[in-house]
C-alpha atoms as a PDB file:
ATOM      1  CA  MET A   1     118.118 -70.883 -51.070  1.00  0.00           C
ATOM      2  CA  LYS A   2     120.718 -70.985 -53.541  1.00  0.00           C
ATOM      3  CA  LEU A   3     119.215 -68.572 -55.077  1.00  0.00           C
ATOM      4  CA  GLY A   4     117.962 -66.677 -51.683  1.00  0.00           C
ATOM      5  CA  ASN A   5     121.420 -66.234 -50.731  1.00  0.00           C
ATOM      6  CA  PHE A   6     122.450 -64.798 -54.286  1.00  0.00           C
ATOM      7  CA  LEU A   7     118.982 -62.351 -53.507  1.00  0.00           C
ATOM      8  CA  SER A   8     120.081 -60.811 -50.248  1.00  0.00           C
ATOM      9  CA  ILE A   9     124.263 -60.303 -51.752  1.00  0.00           C
ATOM     10  CA  ASP A  10     122.688 -58.335 -55.287  1.00  0.00           C
ATOM     11  CA  PRO A  11     122.391 -54.802 -55.125  1.00  0.00           C
ATOM     12  CA  GLU A  12     119.233 -54.393 -57.628  1.00  0.00           C
ATOM     13  CA  TYR A  13     116.917 -56.316 -55.231  1.00  0.00           C
ATOM     14  CA  GLU A  14     114.155 -54.743 -53.355  1.00  0.00           C
ATOM     15  CA  GLY A  15     113.496 -57.193 -51.621  1.00  0.00           C
ATOM     16  CA  VAL A  16     115.174 -58.959 -48.848  1.00  0.00           C
ATOM     17  CA  GLY A  17     116.190 -62.700 -49.263  1.00  0.00           C
ATOM     18  CA  LEU A  18     117.467 -64.688 -47.213  1.00  0.00           C
ATOM     19  CA  SER A  19     120.320 -63.816 -44.087  1.00  0.00           C
ATOM     20  CA  ARG A  20     122.008 -66.734 -44.238  1.00  0.00           C
ATOM     21  CA  GLY A  21     124.915 -67.105 -46.813  1.00  0.00           C
ATOM     22  CA  SER A  22     127.705 -67.883 -47.502  1.00  0.00           C
ATOM     23  CA  LYS A  23     130.951 -66.622 -47.802  1.00  0.00           C
ATOM     24  CA  LEU A  24     130.480 -68.795 -51.202  1.00  0.00           C
ATOM     25  CA  ASP A  25     127.707 -66.902 -51.842  1.00  0.00           C
ATOM     26  CA  GLN A  26     129.818 -63.909 -52.439  1.00  0.00           C
ATOM     27  CA  GLU A  27     132.145 -65.303 -54.023  1.00  0.00           C
ATOM     28  CA  VAL A  28     130.534 -66.775 -56.202  1.00  0.00           C
ATOM     29  CA  TRP A  29     128.897 -63.627 -56.409  1.00  0.00           C
ATOM     30  CA  ASP A  30     131.591 -61.432 -57.598  1.00  0.00           C
ATOM     31  CA  GLU A  31     133.639 -64.093 -60.118  1.00  0.00           C
ATOM     32  CA  LEU A  32     129.985 -65.056 -61.954  1.00  0.00           C
ATOM     33  CA  ALA A  33     127.689 -61.468 -61.614  1.00  0.00           C
ATOM     34  CA  GLY A  34     129.187 -59.322 -64.121  1.00  0.00           C
ATOM     35  CA  ASP A  35     130.009 -61.621 -67.218  1.00  0.00           C
ATOM     36  CA  LEU A  36     126.113 -63.570 -67.356  1.00  0.00           C
ATOM     37  CA  GLU A  37     127.731 -65.043 -70.789  1.00  0.00           C
ATOM     38  CA  ARG A  38     130.401 -66.675 -68.226  1.00  0.00           C
ATOM     39  CA  LEU A  39     128.162 -67.977 -65.535  1.00  0.00           C
ATOM     40  CA  ARG A  40     125.848 -69.287 -68.736  1.00  0.00           C
ATOM     41  CA  LYS A  41     128.843 -71.313 -69.738  1.00  0.00           C
ATOM     42  CA  VAL A  42     129.292 -72.385 -66.422  1.00  0.00           C
ATOM     43  CA  ALA A  43     126.174 -74.022 -65.378  1.00  0.00           C
ATOM     44  CA  GLU A  44     125.818 -76.494 -68.653  1.00  0.00           C
ATOM     45  CA  ALA A  45     129.756 -77.104 -67.978  1.00  0.00           C
ATOM     46  CA  ILE A  46     127.398 -78.287 -64.519  1.00  0.00           C
ATOM     47  CA  ARG A  47     124.346 -79.784 -66.024  1.00  0.00           C
ATOM     48  CA  GLN A  48     126.641 -81.700 -68.423  1.00  0.00           C
ATOM     49  CA  SER A  49     129.462 -83.171 -66.082  1.00  0.00           C
ATOM     50  CA  VAL A  50     126.488 -84.497 -63.096  1.00  0.00           C
ATOM     51  CA  ARG A  51     124.469 -85.745 -66.055  1.00  0.00           C
ATOM     52  CA  SER A  52     127.214 -88.277 -67.329  1.00  0.00           C
ATOM     53  CA  VAL A  53     126.790 -88.684 -64.234  1.00  0.00           C
ATOM     54  CA  ILE A  54     123.724 -90.259 -62.646  1.00  0.00           C
ATOM     55  CA  GLY A  55     123.449 -93.416 -64.676  1.00  0.00           C
ATOM     56  CA  GLU A  56     126.467 -94.007 -62.809  1.00  0.00           C
ATOM     57  CA  GLY A  57     124.663 -93.750 -58.642  1.00  0.00           C
ATOM     58  CA  SER A  58     124.096 -90.611 -56.622  1.00  0.00           C
ATOM     59  CA  ALA A  59     126.301 -88.021 -58.692  1.00  0.00           C
ATOM     60  CA  ALA A  60     125.589 -85.819 -55.220  1.00  0.00           C
ATOM     61  CA  TYR A  61     127.405 -89.236 -53.735  1.00  0.00           C
ATOM     62  CA  LYS A  62     130.251 -88.756 -55.855  1.00  0.00           C
ATOM     63  CA  VAL A  63     130.931 -84.980 -55.163  1.00  0.00           C
ATOM     64  CA  ARG A  64     130.670 -85.336 -51.158  1.00  0.00           C
ATOM     65  CA  ARG A  65     133.455 -88.157 -51.520  1.00  0.00           C
ATOM     66  CA  TRP A  66     136.260 -86.137 -53.332  1.00  0.00           C
ATOM     67  CA  GLU A  67     135.480 -82.982 -51.566  1.00  0.00           C
ATOM     68  CA  GLY A  68     139.619 -83.076 -50.838  1.00  0.00           C
ATOM     69  CA  VAL A  69     140.042 -82.092 -54.485  1.00  0.00           C
ATOM     70  CA  GLU A  70     141.772 -79.020 -54.987  1.00  0.00           C
ATOM     71  CA  GLU A  71     140.241 -75.705 -56.640  1.00  0.00           C
ATOM     72  CA  GLU A  72     142.145 -76.100 -59.863  1.00  0.00           C
ATOM     73  CA  PHE A  73     139.612 -74.313 -62.855  1.00  0.00           C
ATOM     74  CA  PRO A  74     137.192 -71.901 -62.681  1.00  0.00           C
ATOM     75  CA  GLU A  75     134.462 -73.898 -63.002  1.00  0.00           C
ATOM     76  CA  GLY A  76     135.146 -74.516 -59.217  1.00  0.00           C
ATOM     77  CA  ARG A  77     135.141 -77.924 -57.496  1.00  0.00           C
ATOM     78  CA  ILE A  78     132.377 -79.440 -58.777  1.00  0.00           C
ATOM     79  CA  LEU A  79     133.379 -79.431 -61.720  1.00  0.00           C
ATOM     80  CA  THR A  80     136.733 -80.477 -60.697  1.00  0.00           C
ATOM     81  CA  ILE A  81     135.385 -83.069 -58.296  1.00  0.00           C
ATOM     82  CA  LEU A  82     133.745 -84.573 -61.778  1.00  0.00           C
ATOM     83  CA  HIS A  83     136.946 -83.922 -63.513  1.00  0.00           C
ATOM     84  CA  VAL A  84     139.755 -85.674 -61.746  1.00  0.00           C
ATOM     85  CA  ARG A  85     137.194 -88.982 -61.026  1.00  0.00           C
ATOM     86  CA  ARG A  86     136.942 -89.299 -65.106  1.00  0.00           C
ATOM     87  CA  GLU A  87     140.147 -88.813 -64.901  1.00  0.00           C
ATOM     88  CA  ARG A  88     141.203 -91.896 -62.742  1.00  0.00           C
ATOM     89  CA  ASN A  89     138.499 -94.794 -64.195  1.00  0.00           C
END
């Protein structure tokens, strides 16, 4: 569904996309759509971070647990949460 939200933002997409995109979807699009190399690096960093905690339990639970963490890194909230979690352990 998230990709459908991005399709509704993409000016090159000729279809409609989903209509319930968020302000955050727009912010992510604005920040990364024009820099595919950075997008690839951020996506890979998120995948690696999630893989590193899967063995310790549900990554989704751990992300929700740290939702109050401020975004301090350009990679965004997920990497910040995982970084803070590793630092505190």
